[in-house]
């Protein structure tokens, strides 16, 4: 009669790293999508604050999790909103970079 407990332990040890990498990857993608949704939702508020006459320093004080830049073109204001997410999955940070930077650009025409 073979030892089934030893076989199960070996199979568990072989599968565990793959399972953990899959779980951490799901966690990282969830954090990235959450940050992307958050910055998309706040971008409307940031653009409205800029349209109402707030300057960049005041807006940056209100939204400390984001880095906000405003530049102007011939016809438009360009608002760039940045945030970053730390990647916890090994080797995934080499693909996406650590921290992963999320950038949103909004254009507002001159009045």
N, C-alpha and C. Protein backbone atom coordinates (compact mmCIF):
# COMPACT_ATOMS: atom_id res chain seq x y z
N UNK A 1 0.84 -1.18 0.00
CA UNK A 1 0.00 0.00 0.00
C UNK A 1 0.88 1.25 0.00
N UNK A 2 0.57 2.17 -0.90
CA UNK A 2 1.38 3.38 -1.05
C UNK A 2 0.94 4.43 -0.04
N UNK A 3 1.87 5.33 0.23
CA UNK A 3 1.59 6.42 1.16
C UNK A 3 0.90 7.56 0.41
N UNK A 4 -0.40 7.70 0.55
CA UNK A 4 -1.18 8.72 -0.14
C UNK A 4 -0.93 10.12 0.41
N UNK A 5 -0.60 10.22 1.70
CA UNK A 5 -0.35 11.53 2.30
C UNK A 5 0.90 12.17 1.72
N UNK A 6 1.92 11.38 1.49
CA UNK A 6 3.16 11.92 0.91
C UNK A 6 2.95 12.39 -0.51
N UNK A 7 2.16 11.65 -1.28
CA UNK A 7 1.87 12.03 -2.65
C UNK A 7 1.06 13.33 -2.68
N UNK A 8 0.08 13.45 -1.81
CA UNK A 8 -0.74 14.66 -1.75
C UNK A 8 0.10 15.87 -1.35
N UNK A 9 1.05 15.67 -0.44
CA UNK A 9 1.92 16.77 -0.02
C UNK A 9 2.80 17.25 -1.16
N UNK A 10 3.35 16.33 -1.92
CA UNK A 10 4.20 16.70 -3.06
C UNK A 10 3.37 17.45 -4.10
N UNK A 11 2.17 16.98 -4.40
CA UNK A 11 1.32 17.66 -5.37
C UNK A 11 0.94 19.06 -4.88
N UNK A 12 0.66 19.20 -3.60
CA UNK A 12 0.33 20.49 -3.02
C UNK A 12 1.50 21.46 -3.13
N UNK A 13 2.69 20.99 -2.84
CA UNK A 13 3.88 21.84 -2.90
C UNK A 13 4.16 22.27 -4.34
N UNK A 14 3.86 21.42 -5.30
CA UNK A 14 4.07 21.78 -6.70
C UNK A 14 3.03 22.78 -7.21
N UNK A 15 1.81 22.70 -6.73
CA UNK A 15 0.74 23.56 -7.21
C UNK A 15 0.68 24.90 -6.46
N UNK A 16 1.12 24.94 -5.23
CA UNK A 16 1.00 26.14 -4.39
C UNK A 16 1.61 27.40 -5.01
N UNK A 17 2.85 27.38 -5.53
CA UNK A 17 3.40 28.62 -6.10
C UNK A 17 2.59 29.15 -7.29
N UNK A 18 2.12 28.24 -8.13
CA UNK A 18 1.33 28.67 -9.29
C UNK A 18 0.01 29.29 -8.81
N UNK A 19 -0.61 28.66 -7.84
CA UNK A 19 -1.86 29.18 -7.29
C UNK A 19 -1.66 30.56 -6.66
N UNK A 20 -0.58 30.74 -5.92
CA UNK A 20 -0.30 32.04 -5.30
C UNK A 20 -0.02 33.12 -6.34
N UNK A 21 0.70 32.77 -7.41
CA UNK A 21 0.94 33.75 -8.48
C UNK A 21 -0.37 34.17 -9.14
N UNK A 22 -1.26 33.23 -9.34
CA UNK A 22 -2.55 33.56 -9.93
C UNK A 22 -3.35 34.48 -9.00
N UNK A 23 -3.37 34.18 -7.72
CA UNK A 23 -4.09 35.03 -6.76
C UNK A 23 -3.51 36.43 -6.69
N UNK A 24 -2.19 36.54 -6.64
CA UNK A 24 -1.55 37.86 -6.58
C UNK A 24 -1.78 38.66 -7.86
N UNK A 25 -1.79 37.97 -9.00
CA UNK A 25 -2.05 38.65 -10.26
C UNK A 25 -3.48 39.19 -10.29
N UNK A 26 -4.42 38.42 -9.82
CA UNK A 26 -5.82 38.88 -9.74
C UNK A 26 -5.91 40.10 -8.82
N UNK A 27 -5.21 40.05 -7.69
CA UNK A 27 -5.19 41.18 -6.75
C UNK A 27 -4.62 42.43 -7.42
N UNK A 28 -3.49 42.29 -8.13
CA UNK A 28 -2.87 43.44 -8.78
C UNK A 28 -3.78 44.05 -9.85
N UNK A 29 -4.38 43.21 -10.69
CA UNK A 29 -5.27 43.74 -11.71
C UNK A 29 -6.49 44.40 -11.07
N UNK A 30 -6.98 43.87 -9.97
CA UNK A 30 -8.08 44.51 -9.25
C UNK A 30 -7.69 45.88 -8.73
N UNK A 31 -6.49 46.00 -8.18
CA UNK A 31 -6.01 47.29 -7.68
C UNK A 31 -5.84 48.30 -8.83
N UNK A 32 -5.33 47.82 -9.97
CA UNK A 32 -5.15 48.71 -11.12
C UNK A 32 -6.51 49.19 -11.63
N UNK A 33 -7.46 48.29 -11.80
CA UNK A 33 -8.78 48.69 -12.28
C UNK A 33 -9.49 49.59 -11.28
N UNK A 34 -9.32 49.34 -10.00
CA UNK A 34 -9.93 50.19 -8.98
C UNK A 34 -9.34 51.61 -9.05
N UNK A 35 -8.03 51.71 -9.16
CA UNK A 35 -7.39 53.03 -9.25
C UNK A 35 -7.81 53.75 -10.53
N UNK A 36 -7.92 53.00 -11.63
CA UNK A 36 -8.35 53.59 -12.90
C UNK A 36 -9.78 54.14 -12.78
N UNK A 37 -10.68 53.36 -12.17
CA UNK A 37 -12.06 53.83 -11.99
C UNK A 37 -12.12 55.03 -11.06
N UNK A 38 -11.30 55.02 -10.02
CA UNK A 38 -11.29 56.14 -9.08
C UNK A 38 -10.81 57.42 -9.74
N UNK A 39 -9.76 57.32 -10.54
CA UNK A 39 -9.23 58.52 -11.19
C UNK A 39 -10.19 59.01 -12.28
N UNK A 40 -10.88 58.09 -12.95
CA UNK A 40 -11.89 58.50 -13.94
C UNK A 40 -13.04 59.23 -13.26
N UNK A 41 -13.48 58.72 -12.11
CA UNK A 41 -14.59 59.35 -11.40
C UNK A 41 -14.20 60.72 -10.87
N UNK A 42 -13.00 60.86 -10.36
CA UNK A 42 -12.55 62.15 -9.79
C UNK A 42 -12.18 63.15 -10.87
N UNK A 43 -11.91 62.68 -12.10
CA UNK A 43 -11.50 63.61 -13.16
C UNK A 43 -12.60 64.63 -13.46
N UNK A 44 -13.84 64.22 -13.37
CA UNK A 44 -14.95 65.15 -13.61
C UNK A 44 -14.95 66.26 -12.57
N UNK A 45 -14.74 65.88 -11.31
CA UNK A 45 -14.69 66.88 -10.23
C UNK A 45 -13.50 67.82 -10.40
N UNK A 46 -12.38 67.28 -10.82
CA UNK A 46 -11.17 68.09 -11.01
C UNK A 46 -11.38 69.09 -12.15
N UNK A 47 -11.96 68.63 -13.25
CA UNK A 47 -12.22 69.51 -14.39
C UNK A 47 -13.22 70.60 -13.99
N UNK A 48 -14.25 70.23 -13.24
CA UNK A 48 -15.23 71.24 -12.80
C UNK A 48 -14.59 72.26 -11.87
N UNK A 49 -13.71 71.81 -10.98
CA UNK A 49 -13.03 72.75 -10.08
C UNK A 49 -12.14 73.69 -10.88
N UNK A 50 -11.48 73.18 -11.90
CA UNK A 50 -10.63 74.04 -12.74
C UNK A 50 -11.49 75.04 -13.52
N UNK A 51 -12.62 74.59 -14.03
CA UNK A 51 -13.51 75.50 -14.75
C UNK A 51 -14.09 76.57 -13.85
N UNK A 52 -14.25 76.27 -12.56
CA UNK A 52 -14.81 77.25 -11.62
C UNK A 52 -13.77 78.23 -11.09
N UNK A 53 -12.54 78.15 -11.59
CA UNK A 53 -11.54 79.14 -11.26
C UNK A 53 -10.50 78.71 -10.24
N UNK A 54 -10.53 77.48 -9.78
CA UNK A 54 -9.50 77.00 -8.84
C UNK A 54 -8.18 76.82 -9.60
N UNK A 55 -7.08 77.14 -8.93
CA UNK A 55 -5.80 76.93 -9.58
C UNK A 55 -5.28 75.52 -9.25
N UNK A 56 -4.18 75.15 -9.87
CA UNK A 56 -3.66 73.79 -9.75
C UNK A 56 -3.24 73.47 -8.32
N UNK A 57 -2.67 74.43 -7.62
CA UNK A 57 -2.23 74.18 -6.24
C UNK A 57 -3.42 73.86 -5.33
N UNK A 58 -4.51 74.59 -5.49
CA UNK A 58 -5.71 74.32 -4.69
C UNK A 58 -6.29 72.95 -5.00
N UNK A 59 -6.31 72.59 -6.26
CA UNK A 59 -6.84 71.29 -6.67
C UNK A 59 -5.95 70.16 -6.15
N UNK A 60 -4.63 70.35 -6.21
CA UNK A 60 -3.71 69.33 -5.69
C UNK A 60 -3.87 69.14 -4.18
N UNK A 61 -4.22 70.21 -3.46
CA UNK A 61 -4.45 70.07 -2.02
C UNK A 61 -5.71 69.26 -1.74
N UNK A 62 -6.73 69.43 -2.57
CA UNK A 62 -7.97 68.69 -2.39
C UNK A 62 -7.82 67.21 -2.73
N UNK A 63 -7.06 66.91 -3.77
CA UNK A 63 -6.90 65.54 -4.25
C UNK A 63 -5.44 65.13 -4.07
N UNK A 64 -5.09 64.76 -2.84
CA UNK A 64 -3.69 64.46 -2.52
C UNK A 64 -3.21 63.14 -3.09
N UNK A 65 -4.13 62.23 -3.45
CA UNK A 65 -3.73 60.94 -4.01
C UNK A 65 -3.32 61.05 -5.47
N UNK A 66 -3.62 62.18 -6.10
CA UNK A 66 -3.34 62.36 -7.51
C UNK A 66 -2.33 63.48 -7.71
N UNK A 67 -1.60 63.40 -8.82
CA UNK A 67 -0.72 64.48 -9.24
C UNK A 67 -1.36 65.12 -10.46
N UNK A 68 -1.64 66.41 -10.39
CA UNK A 68 -2.40 67.09 -11.43
C UNK A 68 -1.54 68.17 -12.07
N UNK A 69 -1.51 68.15 -13.39
CA UNK A 69 -0.79 69.16 -14.17
C UNK A 69 -1.77 69.81 -15.15
N UNK A 70 -1.59 71.09 -15.37
CA UNK A 70 -2.41 71.81 -16.36
C UNK A 70 -1.47 72.53 -17.30
N UNK A 71 -1.69 72.33 -18.59
CA UNK A 71 -0.94 73.06 -19.60
C UNK A 71 -1.95 73.60 -20.61
N UNK A 72 -1.51 74.56 -21.40
CA UNK A 72 -2.44 75.15 -22.37
C UNK A 72 -1.85 75.05 -23.77
N UNK A 73 -2.76 74.89 -24.70
CA UNK A 73 -2.43 74.82 -26.12
C UNK A 73 -3.07 76.04 -26.77
N UNK A 74 -3.10 76.09 -28.08
CA UNK A 74 -3.72 77.23 -28.76
C UNK A 74 -5.22 77.30 -28.51
N UNK A 75 -5.87 76.16 -28.43
CA UNK A 75 -7.33 76.15 -28.29
C UNK A 75 -7.84 75.46 -27.03
N UNK A 76 -6.97 74.73 -26.32
CA UNK A 76 -7.43 73.90 -25.22
C UNK A 76 -6.53 74.00 -23.99
N UNK A 77 -7.14 73.75 -22.83
CA UNK A 77 -6.39 73.44 -21.63
C UNK A 77 -6.24 71.92 -21.58
N UNK A 78 -5.08 71.47 -21.24
CA UNK A 78 -4.84 70.03 -21.11
C UNK A 78 -4.61 69.74 -19.63
N UNK A 79 -5.48 68.92 -19.04
CA UNK A 79 -5.35 68.53 -17.64
C UNK A 79 -4.89 67.08 -17.60
N UNK A 80 -3.75 66.85 -16.98
CA UNK A 80 -3.19 65.50 -16.86
C UNK A 80 -3.26 65.10 -15.39
N UNK A 81 -3.90 63.98 -15.13
CA UNK A 81 -4.07 63.46 -13.77
C UNK A 81 -3.33 62.13 -13.69
N UNK A 82 -2.45 62.02 -12.70
CA UNK A 82 -1.64 60.80 -12.54
C UNK A 82 -1.81 60.21 -11.15
N UNK A 83 -1.75 58.90 -11.10
CA UNK A 83 -1.66 58.17 -9.84
C UNK A 83 -0.87 56.90 -10.10
N UNK A 84 -0.46 56.23 -9.05
CA UNK A 84 0.33 55.01 -9.24
C UNK A 84 -0.17 53.92 -8.31
N UNK A 85 0.06 52.68 -8.73
CA UNK A 85 -0.33 51.49 -7.98
C UNK A 85 0.91 50.63 -7.81
N UNK A 86 1.17 50.20 -6.58
CA UNK A 86 2.29 49.30 -6.33
C UNK A 86 1.91 47.87 -6.73
N UNK A 87 2.79 47.23 -7.49
CA UNK A 87 2.57 45.86 -7.95
C UNK A 87 3.22 44.91 -6.94
N UNK A 88 2.47 43.91 -6.48
CA UNK A 88 2.99 42.97 -5.48
C UNK A 88 3.37 41.62 -6.08
N UNK A 89 2.90 41.30 -7.27
CA UNK A 89 3.18 40.01 -7.87
C UNK A 89 4.61 39.97 -8.38
N UNK A 90 5.39 38.96 -7.97
CA UNK A 90 6.75 38.84 -8.52
C UNK A 90 6.70 38.66 -10.03
N UNK A 91 7.63 39.25 -10.71
CA UNK A 91 7.80 39.21 -12.15
C UNK A 91 6.77 40.04 -12.91
N UNK A 92 5.61 40.29 -12.35
CA UNK A 92 4.64 41.16 -13.01
C UNK A 92 5.11 42.61 -12.96
N UNK A 93 5.85 42.95 -11.90
CA UNK A 93 6.38 44.31 -11.79
C UNK A 93 7.44 44.58 -12.86
N UNK A 94 8.06 43.55 -13.38
CA UNK A 94 9.02 43.75 -14.49
C UNK A 94 8.30 44.03 -15.79
N UNK A 95 7.09 43.52 -15.94
CA UNK A 95 6.32 43.74 -17.16
C UNK A 95 5.66 45.12 -17.13
N UNK A 96 4.99 45.43 -16.03
CA UNK A 96 4.25 46.69 -15.94
C UNK A 96 5.05 47.83 -15.32
N UNK A 97 6.11 47.51 -14.61
CA UNK A 97 6.85 48.54 -13.88
C UNK A 97 6.28 48.69 -12.49
N UNK A 98 7.12 49.02 -11.57
CA UNK A 98 6.68 49.17 -10.19
C UNK A 98 7.13 50.51 -9.67
N UNK A 99 6.30 51.43 -9.35
CA UNK A 99 4.84 51.36 -9.36
C UNK A 99 4.28 51.55 -10.76
N UNK A 100 3.12 51.00 -11.00
CA UNK A 100 2.42 51.14 -12.28
C UNK A 100 1.72 52.49 -12.28
N UNK A 101 1.99 53.28 -13.29
CA UNK A 101 1.44 54.63 -13.35
C UNK A 101 0.20 54.67 -14.24
N UNK A 102 -0.85 55.31 -13.72
CA UNK A 102 -2.09 55.49 -14.46
C UNK A 102 -2.22 56.98 -14.79
N UNK A 103 -2.45 57.27 -16.06
CA UNK A 103 -2.51 58.65 -16.52
C UNK A 103 -3.82 58.88 -17.26
N UNK A 104 -4.50 59.95 -16.89
CA UNK A 104 -5.74 60.37 -17.55
C UNK A 104 -5.53 61.78 -18.08
N UNK A 105 -5.93 62.03 -19.31
CA UNK A 105 -5.84 63.37 -19.90
C UNK A 105 -7.23 63.87 -20.23
N UNK A 106 -7.49 65.11 -19.89
CA UNK A 106 -8.75 65.76 -20.23
C UNK A 106 -8.43 67.08 -20.92
N UNK A 107 -9.21 67.38 -21.95
CA UNK A 107 -9.03 68.61 -22.71
C UNK A 107 -10.27 69.49 -22.54
N UNK A 108 -10.01 70.77 -22.23
CA UNK A 108 -11.10 71.73 -22.04
C UNK A 108 -10.87 72.87 -23.01
N UNK A 109 -11.88 73.20 -23.84
CA UNK A 109 -11.71 74.33 -24.77
C UNK A 109 -11.71 75.65 -24.01
N UNK A 110 -11.02 76.64 -24.57
CA UNK A 110 -11.05 77.98 -23.98
C UNK A 110 -12.47 78.53 -24.08
N UNK A 111 -12.82 79.37 -23.12
CA UNK A 111 -14.14 80.01 -23.15
C UNK A 111 -14.16 81.14 -24.11
